[in-house]
Amino acid sequence: QNAPTNQKHFQDYLSAFCFGDFYTRGGLDLKTRELLT
């Protein structure tokens, strides 16, 4: 909500790319992924 209009794409990238493309993957559970991060 607080991201300036010209920076909202970074929030979208975080959600779709960092967390959507990687954190949702199989092979490792969420606790392990977050510890590795």
ModelCIF file with pLDDT and N, C-alpha, C, O atoms, coordinates in Angstrom:
data_MODEL
#
_entry.id   MODEL 
#
_entity.id                         1 
_entity.type                       polymer 
_entity.pdbx_number_of_molecules   1 
#
_entity_poly.entity_id                      1 
_entity_poly.type                           'polypeptide(L)' 
_entity_poly.nstd_linkage                   no 
_entity_poly.nstd_monomer                   no 
_entity_poly.pdbx_seq_one_letter_code       QNAPTNQKHFQDYLSAFCFGDFYTRGGLDLKTRELLT 
_entity_poly.pdbx_seq_one_letter_code_can   QNAPTNQKHFQDYLSAFCFGDFYTRGGLDLKTRELLT 
_entity_poly.pdbx_strand_id                 A 
#
loop_
_entity_poly_seq.entity_id 
_entity_poly_seq.num 
_entity_poly_seq.mon_id 
_entity_poly_seq.hetero 
1 1  GLN n 
1 2  ASN n 
1 3  ALA n 
1 4  PRO n 
1 5  THR n 
1 6  ASN n 
1 7  GLN n 
1 8  LYS n 
1 9  HIS n 
1 10 PHE n 
1 11 GLN n 
1 12 ASP n 
1 13 TYR n 
1 14 LEU n 
1 15 SER n 
1 16 ALA n 
1 17 PHE n 
1 18 CYS n 
1 19 PHE n 
1 20 GLY n 
1 21 ASP n 
1 22 PHE n 
1 23 TYR n 
1 24 THR n 
1 25 ARG n 
1 26 GLY n 
1 27 GLY n 
1 28 LEU n 
1 29 ASP n 
1 30 LEU n 
1 31 LYS n 
1 32 THR n 
1 33 ARG n 
1 34 GLU n 
1 35 LEU n 
1 36 LEU n 
1 37 THR n 
#
_struct_asym.id          A 
_struct_asym.entity_id   1 
#
loop_
_ma_qa_metric.id 
_ma_qa_metric.mode 
_ma_qa_metric.name 
_ma_qa_metric.software_group_id 
_ma_qa_metric.type 
1 global pLDDT . pLDDT 
2 local  pLDDT . pLDDT 
#
_ma_qa_metric_global.metric_id      1 
_ma_qa_metric_global.metric_value   97.46 
_ma_qa_metric_global.model_id       1 
_ma_qa_metric_global.ordinal_id     1 
#
loop_
_ma_qa_metric_local.label_asym_id 
_ma_qa_metric_local.label_comp_id 
_ma_qa_metric_local.label_seq_id 
_ma_qa_metric_local.metric_id 
_ma_qa_metric_local.metric_value 
_ma_qa_metric_local.model_id 
_ma_qa_metric_local.ordinal_id 
A GLN 1  2 94.00 1 1  
A ASN 2  2 94.00 1 2  
A ALA 3  2 95.00 1 3  
A PRO 4  2 96.00 1 4  
A THR 5  2 96.00 1 5  
A ASN 6  2 98.00 1 6  
A GLN 7  2 97.00 1 7  
A LYS 8  2 97.00 1 8  
A HIS 9  2 98.00 1 9  
A PHE 10 2 98.00 1 10 
A GLN 11 2 97.00 1 11 
A ASP 12 2 97.00 1 12 
A TYR 13 2 98.00 1 13 
A LEU 14 2 97.00 1 14 
A SER 15 2 98.00 1 15 
A ALA 16 2 98.00 1 16 
A PHE 17 2 98.00 1 17 
A CYS 18 2 98.00 1 18 
A PHE 19 2 98.00 1 19 
A GLY 20 2 98.00 1 20 
A ASP 21 2 98.00 1 21 
A PHE 22 2 98.00 1 22 
A TYR 23 2 98.00 1 23 
A THR 24 2 98.00 1 24 
A ARG 25 2 98.00 1 25 
A GLY 26 2 98.00 1 26 
A GLY 27 2 98.00 1 27 
A LEU 28 2 98.00 1 28 
A ASP 29 2 98.00 1 29 
A LEU 30 2 98.00 1 30 
A LYS 31 2 98.00 1 31 
A THR 32 2 98.00 1 32 
A ARG 33 2 98.00 1 33 
A GLU 34 2 98.00 1 34 
A LEU 35 2 98.00 1 35 
A LEU 36 2 98.00 1 36 
A THR 37 2 98.00 1 37 
#
loop_
_atom_site.group_PDB 
_atom_site.id 
_atom_site.type_symbol 
_atom_site.label_atom_id 
_atom_site.label_alt_id 
_atom_site.label_comp_id 
_atom_site.label_asym_id 
_atom_site.label_entity_id 
_atom_site.label_seq_id 
_atom_site.pdbx_PDB_ins_code 
_atom_site.Cartn_x 
_atom_site.Cartn_y 
_atom_site.Cartn_z 
_atom_site.occupancy 
_atom_site.B_iso_or_equiv 
_atom_site.pdbx_formal_charge 
_atom_site.auth_seq_id 
_atom_site.auth_comp_id 
_atom_site.auth_asym_id 
_atom_site.auth_atom_id 
_atom_site.pdbx_PDB_model_num 
ATOM 1   N N  . GLN A 1 1  ? 0.817  -1.209  0.000  1.00 94.00 ? 1  GLN A N  1 
ATOM 2   C CA . GLN A 1 1  ? 0.000  0.000   0.000  1.00 94.00 ? 1  GLN A CA 1 
ATOM 3   C C  . GLN A 1 1  ? 0.852  1.260   0.000  1.00 94.00 ? 1  GLN A C  1 
ATOM 4   O O  . GLN A 1 1  ? 0.501  2.253   -0.638 1.00 94.00 ? 1  GLN A O  1 
ATOM 5   N N  . ASN A 1 2  ? 1.972  1.221   0.716  1.00 94.00 ? 2  ASN A N  1 
ATOM 6   C CA . ASN A 1 2  ? 2.794  2.417   0.890  1.00 94.00 ? 2  ASN A CA 1 
ATOM 7   C C  . ASN A 1 2  ? 3.825  2.627   -0.215 1.00 94.00 ? 2  ASN A C  1 
ATOM 8   O O  . ASN A 1 2  ? 4.479  3.669   -0.261 1.00 94.00 ? 2  ASN A O  1 
ATOM 9   N N  . ALA A 1 3  ? 3.974  1.656   -1.097 1.00 95.00 ? 3  ALA A N  1 
ATOM 10  C CA . ALA A 1 3  ? 4.971  1.799   -2.164 1.00 95.00 ? 3  ALA A CA 1 
ATOM 11  C C  . ALA A 1 3  ? 4.548  2.901   -3.144 1.00 95.00 ? 3  ALA A C  1 
ATOM 12  O O  . ALA A 1 3  ? 3.401  2.915   -3.592 1.00 95.00 ? 3  ALA A O  1 
ATOM 13  N N  . PRO A 1 4  ? 5.456  3.823   -3.483 1.00 96.00 ? 4  PRO A N  1 
ATOM 14  C CA . PRO A 1 4  ? 5.134  4.836   -4.503 1.00 96.00 ? 4  PRO A CA 1 
ATOM 15  C C  . PRO A 1 4  ? 4.761  4.165   -5.822 1.00 96.00 ? 4  PRO A C  1 
ATOM 16  O O  . PRO A 1 4  ? 5.189  3.046   -6.105 1.00 96.00 ? 4  PRO A O  1 
ATOM 17  N N  . THR A 1 5  ? 3.973  4.850   -6.608 1.00 96.00 ? 5  THR A N  1 
ATOM 18  C CA . THR A 1 5  ? 3.474  4.268   -7.855 1.00 96.00 ? 5  THR A CA 1 
ATOM 19  C C  . THR A 1 5  ? 4.602  3.772   -8.748 1.00 96.00 ? 5  THR A C  1 
ATOM 20  O O  . THR A 1 5  ? 4.489  2.711   -9.362 1.00 96.00 ? 5  THR A O  1 
ATOM 21  N N  . ASN A 1 6  ? 5.687  4.533   -8.823 1.00 98.00 ? 6  ASN A N  1 
ATOM 22  C CA . ASN A 1 6  ? 6.784  4.141   -9.720 1.00 98.00 ? 6  ASN A CA 1 
ATOM 23  C C  . ASN A 1 6  ? 7.664  3.038   -9.136 1.00 98.00 ? 6  ASN A C  1 
ATOM 24  O O  . ASN A 1 6  ? 8.656  2.643   -9.749 1.00 98.00 ? 6  ASN A O  1 
ATOM 25  N N  . GLN A 1 7  ? 7.298  2.536   -7.940 1.00 97.00 ? 7  GLN A N  1 
ATOM 26  C CA . GLN A 1 7  ? 8.065  1.458   -7.311 1.00 97.00 ? 7  GLN A CA 1 
ATOM 27  C C  . GLN A 1 7  ? 7.217  0.240   -6.967 1.00 97.00 ? 7  GLN A C  1 
ATOM 28  O O  . GLN A 1 7  ? 7.721  -0.718  -6.381 1.00 97.00 ? 7  GLN A O  1 
ATOM 29  N N  . LYS A 1 8  ? 5.942  0.265   -7.323 1.00 97.00 ? 8  LYS A N  1 
ATOM 30  C CA . LYS A 1 8  ? 5.056  -0.848  -6.984 1.00 97.00 ? 8  LYS A CA 1 
ATOM 31  C C  . LYS A 1 8  ? 5.474  -2.149  -7.680 1.00 97.00 ? 8  LYS A C  1 
ATOM 32  O O  . LYS A 1 8  ? 5.175  -3.242  -7.200 1.00 97.00 ? 8  LYS A O  1 
ATOM 33  N N  . HIS A 1 9  ? 6.169  -2.016  -8.816 1.00 98.00 ? 9  HIS A N  1 
ATOM 34  C CA . HIS A 1 9  ? 6.568  -3.242  -9.517 1.00 98.00 ? 9  HIS A CA 1 
ATOM 35  C C  . HIS A 1 9  ? 7.546  -4.064  -8.685 1.00 98.00 ? 9  HIS A C  1 
ATOM 36  O O  . HIS A 1 9  ? 7.599  -5.285  -8.834 1.00 98.00 ? 9  HIS A O  1 
ATOM 37  N N  . PHE A 1 10 ? 8.325  -3.415  -7.807 1.00 98.00 ? 10 PHE A N  1 
ATOM 38  C CA . PHE A 1 10 ? 9.227  -4.182  -6.949 1.00 98.00 ? 10 PHE A CA 1 
ATOM 39  C C  . PHE A 1 10 ? 8.431  -5.075  -5.991 1.00 98.00 ? 10 PHE A C  1 
ATOM 40  O O  . PHE A 1 10 ? 8.807  -6.220  -5.739 1.00 98.00 ? 10 PHE A O  1 
ATOM 41  N N  . GLN A 1 11 ? 7.341  -4.544  -5.469 1.00 97.00 ? 11 GLN A N  1 
ATOM 42  C CA . GLN A 1 11 ? 6.488  -5.354  -4.595 1.00 97.00 ? 11 GLN A CA 1 
ATOM 43  C C  . GLN A 1 11 ? 5.859  -6.505  -5.368 1.00 97.00 ? 11 GLN A C  1 
ATOM 44  O O  . GLN A 1 11 ? 5.733  -7.614  -4.847 1.00 97.00 ? 11 GLN A O  1 
ATOM 45  N N  . ASP A 1 12 ? 5.465  -6.241  -6.607 1.00 97.00 ? 12 ASP A N  1 
ATOM 46  C CA . ASP A 1 12 ? 4.902  -7.313  -7.434 1.00 97.00 ? 12 ASP A CA 1 
ATOM 47  C C  . ASP A 1 12 ? 5.955  -8.382  -7.732 1.00 97.00 ? 12 ASP A C  1 
ATOM 48  O O  . ASP A 1 12 ? 5.659  -9.577  -7.696 1.00 97.00 ? 12 ASP A O  1 
ATOM 49  N N  . TYR A 1 13 ? 7.172  -7.955  -8.023 1.00 98.00 ? 13 TYR A N  1 
ATOM 50  C CA . TYR A 1 13 ? 8.247  -8.917  -8.292 1.00 98.00 ? 13 TYR A CA 1 
ATOM 51  C C  . TYR A 1 13 ? 8.536  -9.780  -7.060 1.00 98.00 ? 13 TYR A C  1 
ATOM 52  O O  . TYR A 1 13 ? 8.728  -10.991 -7.171 1.00 98.00 ? 13 TYR A O  1 
ATOM 53  N N  . LEU A 1 14 ? 8.563  -9.144  -5.890 1.00 97.00 ? 14 LEU A N  1 
ATOM 54  C CA . LEU A 1 14 ? 8.782  -9.910  -4.666 1.00 97.00 ? 14 LEU A CA 1 
ATOM 55  C C  . LEU A 1 14 ? 7.730  -11.007 -4.519 1.00 97.00 ? 14 LEU A C  1 
ATOM 56  O O  . LEU A 1 14 ? 8.058  -12.157 -4.225 1.00 97.00 ? 14 LEU A O  1 
ATOM 57  N N  . SER A 1 15 ? 6.477  -10.649 -4.721 1.00 98.00 ? 15 SER A N  1 
ATOM 58  C CA . SER A 1 15 ? 5.405  -11.622 -4.534 1.00 98.00 ? 15 SER A CA 1 
ATOM 59  C C  . SER A 1 15 ? 5.436  -12.717 -5.585 1.00 98.00 ? 15 SER A C  1 
ATOM 60  O O  . SER A 1 15 ? 5.395  -13.900 -5.246 1.00 98.00 ? 15 SER A O  1 
ATOM 61  N N  . ALA A 1 16 ? 5.509  -12.341 -6.858 1.00 98.00 ? 16 ALA A N  1 
ATOM 62  C CA . ALA A 1 16 ? 5.396  -13.318 -7.937 1.00 98.00 ? 16 ALA A CA 1 
ATOM 63  C C  . ALA A 1 16 ? 6.683  -14.086 -8.185 1.00 98.00 ? 16 ALA A C  1 
ATOM 64  O O  . ALA A 1 16 ? 6.657  -15.300 -8.391 1.00 98.00 ? 16 ALA A O  1 
ATOM 65  N N  . PHE A 1 17 ? 7.813  -13.379 -8.166 1.00 98.00 ? 17 PHE A N  1 
ATOM 66  C CA . PHE A 1 17 ? 9.095  -13.993 -8.507 1.00 98.00 ? 17 PHE A CA 1 
ATOM 67  C C  . PHE A 1 17 ? 9.748  -14.644 -7.294 1.00 98.00 ? 17 PHE A C  1 
ATOM 68  O O  . PHE A 1 17 ? 9.919  -15.862 -7.260 1.00 98.00 ? 17 PHE A O  1 
ATOM 69  N N  . CYS A 1 18 ? 10.114 -13.837 -6.298 1.00 98.00 ? 18 CYS A N  1 
ATOM 70  C CA . CYS A 1 18 ? 10.840 -14.373 -5.146 1.00 98.00 ? 18 CYS A CA 1 
ATOM 71  C C  . CYS A 1 18 ? 10.013 -15.442 -4.423 1.00 98.00 ? 18 CYS A C  1 
ATOM 72  O O  . CYS A 1 18 ? 10.503 -16.539 -4.159 1.00 98.00 ? 18 CYS A O  1 
ATOM 73  N N  . PHE A 1 19 ? 8.776  -15.117 -4.112 1.00 98.00 ? 19 PHE A N  1 
ATOM 74  C CA . PHE A 1 19 ? 7.968  -16.042 -3.313 1.00 98.00 ? 19 PHE A CA 1 
ATOM 75  C C  . PHE A 1 19 ? 7.111  -16.970 -4.175 1.00 98.00 ? 19 PHE A C  1 
ATOM 76  O O  . PHE A 1 19 ? 6.914  -18.132 -3.818 1.00 98.00 ? 19 PHE A O  1 
ATOM 77  N N  . GLY A 1 20 ? 6.604  -16.477 -5.293 1.00 98.00 ? 20 GLY A N  1 
ATOM 78  C CA . GLY A 1 20 ? 5.789  -17.337 -6.151 1.00 98.00 ? 20 GLY A CA 1 
ATOM 79  C C  . GLY A 1 20 ? 6.598  -18.378 -6.900 1.00 98.00 ? 20 GLY A C  1 
ATOM 80  O O  . GLY A 1 20 ? 6.248  -19.558 -6.901 1.00 98.00 ? 20 GLY A O  1 
ATOM 81  N N  . ASP A 1 21 ? 7.679  -17.947 -7.536 1.00 98.00 ? 21 ASP A N  1 
ATOM 82  C CA . ASP A 1 21 ? 8.476  -18.856 -8.360 1.00 98.00 ? 21 ASP A CA 1 
ATOM 83  C C  . ASP A 1 21 ? 9.390  -19.760 -7.540 1.00 98.00 ? 21 ASP A C  1 
ATOM 84  O O  . ASP A 1 21 ? 9.742  -20.848 -7.996 1.00 98.00 ? 21 ASP A O  1 
ATOM 85  N N  . PHE A 1 22 ? 9.784  -19.334 -6.337 1.00 98.00 ? 22 PHE A N  1 
ATOM 86  C CA . PHE A 1 22 ? 10.777 -20.105 -5.573 1.00 98.00 ? 22 PHE A CA 1 
ATOM 87  C C  . PHE A 1 22 ? 10.225 -20.690 -4.276 1.00 98.00 ? 22 PHE A C  1 
ATOM 88  O O  . PHE A 1 22 ? 10.335 -21.897 -4.056 1.00 98.00 ? 22 PHE A O  1 
ATOM 89  N N  . TYR A 1 23 ? 9.637  -19.870 -3.420 1.00 98.00 ? 23 TYR A N  1 
ATOM 90  C CA . TYR A 1 23 ? 9.200  -20.386 -2.119 1.00 98.00 ? 23 TYR A CA 1 
ATOM 91  C C  . TYR A 1 23 ? 8.098  -21.432 -2.235 1.00 98.00 ? 23 TYR A C  1 
ATOM 92  O O  . TYR A 1 23 ? 7.951  -22.266 -1.341 1.00 98.00 ? 23 TYR A O  1 
ATOM 93  N N  . THR A 1 24 ? 7.335  -21.408 -3.292 1.00 98.00 ? 24 THR A N  1 
ATOM 94  C CA . THR A 1 24 ? 6.242  -22.375 -3.442 1.00 98.00 ? 24 THR A CA 1 
ATOM 95  C C  . THR A 1 24 ? 6.712  -23.730 -3.957 1.00 98.00 ? 24 THR A C  1 
ATOM 96  O O  . THR A 1 24 ? 5.932  -24.683 -3.967 1.00 98.00 ? 24 THR A O  1 
ATOM 97  N N  . ARG A 1 25 ? 7.954  -23.838 -4.380 1.00 98.00 ? 25 ARG A N  1 
ATOM 98  C CA . ARG A 1 25 ? 8.422  -25.070 -5.007 1.00 98.00 ? 25 ARG A CA 1 
ATOM 99  C C  . ARG A 1 25 ? 8.455  -26.228 -4.004 1.00 98.00 ? 25 ARG A C  1 
ATOM 100 O O  . ARG A 1 25 ? 8.528  -26.023 -2.792 1.00 98.00 ? 25 ARG A O  1 
ATOM 101 N N  . GLY A 1 26 ? 8.400  -27.448 -4.544 1.00 98.00 ? 26 GLY A N  1 
ATOM 102 C CA . GLY A 1 26 ? 8.546  -28.626 -3.716 1.00 98.00 ? 26 GLY A CA 1 
ATOM 103 C C  . GLY A 1 26 ? 10.005 -28.869 -3.383 1.00 98.00 ? 26 GLY A C  1 
ATOM 104 O O  . GLY A 1 26 ? 10.875 -28.077 -3.747 1.00 98.00 ? 26 GLY A O  1 
ATOM 105 N N  . GLY A 1 27 ? 10.272 -29.968 -2.689 1.00 98.00 ? 27 GLY A N  1 
ATOM 106 C CA . GLY A 1 27 ? 11.648 -30.367 -2.406 1.00 98.00 ? 27 GLY A CA 1 
ATOM 107 C C  . GLY A 1 27 ? 12.177 -29.920 -1.067 1.00 98.00 ? 27 GLY A C  1 
ATOM 108 O O  . GLY A 1 27 ? 12.929 -30.653 -0.425 1.00 98.00 ? 27 GLY A O  1 
ATOM 109 N N  . LEU A 1 28 ? 11.801 -28.727 -0.627 1.00 98.00 ? 28 LEU A N  1 
ATOM 110 C CA . LEU A 1 28 ? 12.175 -28.211 0.690  1.00 98.00 ? 28 LEU A CA 1 
ATOM 111 C C  . LEU A 1 28 ? 10.945 -27.579 1.324  1.00 98.00 ? 28 LEU A C  1 
ATOM 112 O O  . LEU A 1 28 ? 10.147 -26.943 0.634  1.00 98.00 ? 28 LEU A O  1 
ATOM 113 N N  . ASP A 1 29 ? 10.786 -27.749 2.633  1.00 98.00 ? 29 ASP A N  1 
ATOM 114 C CA . ASP A 1 29 ? 9.635  -27.138 3.296  1.00 98.00 ? 29 ASP A CA 1 
ATOM 115 C C  . ASP A 1 29 ? 9.900  -25.669 3.594  1.00 98.00 ? 29 ASP A C  1 
ATOM 116 O O  . ASP A 1 29 ? 11.015 -25.178 3.413  1.00 98.00 ? 29 ASP A O  1 
ATOM 117 N N  . LEU A 1 30 ? 8.864  -24.977 4.052  1.00 98.00 ? 30 LEU A N  1 
ATOM 118 C CA . LEU A 1 30 ? 8.941  -23.526 4.240  1.00 98.00 ? 30 LEU A CA 1 
ATOM 119 C C  . LEU A 1 30 ? 9.953  -23.155 5.319  1.00 98.00 ? 30 LEU A C  1 
ATOM 120 O O  . LEU A 1 30 ? 10.699 -22.189 5.158  1.00 98.00 ? 30 LEU A O  1 
ATOM 121 N N  . LYS A 1 31 ? 9.987  -23.914 6.420  1.00 98.00 ? 31 LYS A N  1 
ATOM 122 C CA . LYS A 1 31 ? 10.937 -23.609 7.498  1.00 98.00 ? 31 LYS A CA 1 
ATOM 123 C C  . LYS A 1 31 ? 12.376 -23.697 7.006  1.00 98.00 ? 31 LYS A C  1 
ATOM 124 O O  . LYS A 1 31 ? 13.216 -22.875 7.373  1.00 98.00 ? 31 LYS A O  1 
ATOM 125 N N  . THR A 1 32 ? 12.654 -24.689 6.182  1.00 98.00 ? 32 THR A N  1 
ATOM 126 C CA . THR A 1 32 ? 14.012 -24.852 5.660  1.00 98.00 ? 32 THR A CA 1 
ATOM 127 C C  . THR A 1 32 ? 14.355 -23.740 4.694  1.00 98.00 ? 32 THR A C  1 
ATOM 128 O O  . THR A 1 32 ? 15.450 -23.181 4.761  1.00 98.00 ? 32 THR A O  1 
ATOM 129 N N  . ARG A 1 33 ? 13.441 -23.406 3.794  1.00 98.00 ? 33 ARG A N  1 
ATOM 130 C CA . ARG A 1 33 ? 13.708 -22.319 2.838  1.00 98.00 ? 33 ARG A CA 1 
ATOM 131 C C  . ARG A 1 33 ? 13.964 -21.004 3.560  1.00 98.00 ? 33 ARG A C  1 
ATOM 132 O O  . ARG A 1 33 ? 14.866 -20.253 3.188  1.00 98.00 ? 33 ARG A O  1 
ATOM 133 N N  . GLU A 1 34 ? 13.178 -20.725 4.586  1.00 98.00 ? 34 GLU A N  1 
ATOM 134 C CA . GLU A 1 34 ? 13.347 -19.453 5.288  1.00 98.00 ? 34 GLU A CA 1 
ATOM 135 C C  . GLU A 1 34 ? 14.658 -19.435 6.080  1.00 98.00 ? 34 GLU A C  1 
ATOM 136 O O  . GLU A 1 34 ? 15.306 -18.393 6.177  1.00 98.00 ? 34 GLU A O  1 
ATOM 137 N N  . LEU A 1 35 ? 15.049 -20.572 6.641  1.00 98.00 ? 35 LEU A N  1 
ATOM 138 C CA . LEU A 1 35 ? 16.331 -20.638 7.340  1.00 98.00 ? 35 LEU A CA 1 
ATOM 139 C C  . LEU A 1 35 ? 17.487 -20.448 6.363  1.00 98.00 ? 35 LEU A C  1 
ATOM 140 O O  . LEU A 1 35 ? 18.446 -19.741 6.672  1.00 98.00 ? 35 LEU A O  1 
ATOM 141 N N  . LEU A 1 36 ? 17.406 -21.068 5.194  1.00 98.00 ? 36 LEU A N  1 
ATOM 142 C CA . LEU A 1 36 ? 18.451 -20.899 4.185  1.00 98.00 ? 36 LEU A CA 1 
ATOM 143 C C  . LEU A 1 36 ? 18.523 -19.450 3.713  1.00 98.00 ? 36 LEU A C  1 
ATOM 144 O O  . LEU A 1 36 ? 19.614 -18.923 3.497  1.00 98.00 ? 36 LEU A O  1 
ATOM 145 N N  . THR A 1 37 ? 17.368 -18.804 3.552  1.00 98.00 ? 37 THR A N  1 
ATOM 146 C CA . THR A 1 37 ? 17.368 -17.401 3.134  1.00 98.00 ? 37 THR A CA 1 
ATOM 147 C C  . THR A 1 37 ? 18.068 -16.530 4.169  1.00 98.00 ? 37 THR A C  1 
ATOM 148 O O  . THR A 1 37 ? 18.167 -15.316 3.989  1.00 98.00 ? 37 THR A O  1 
#
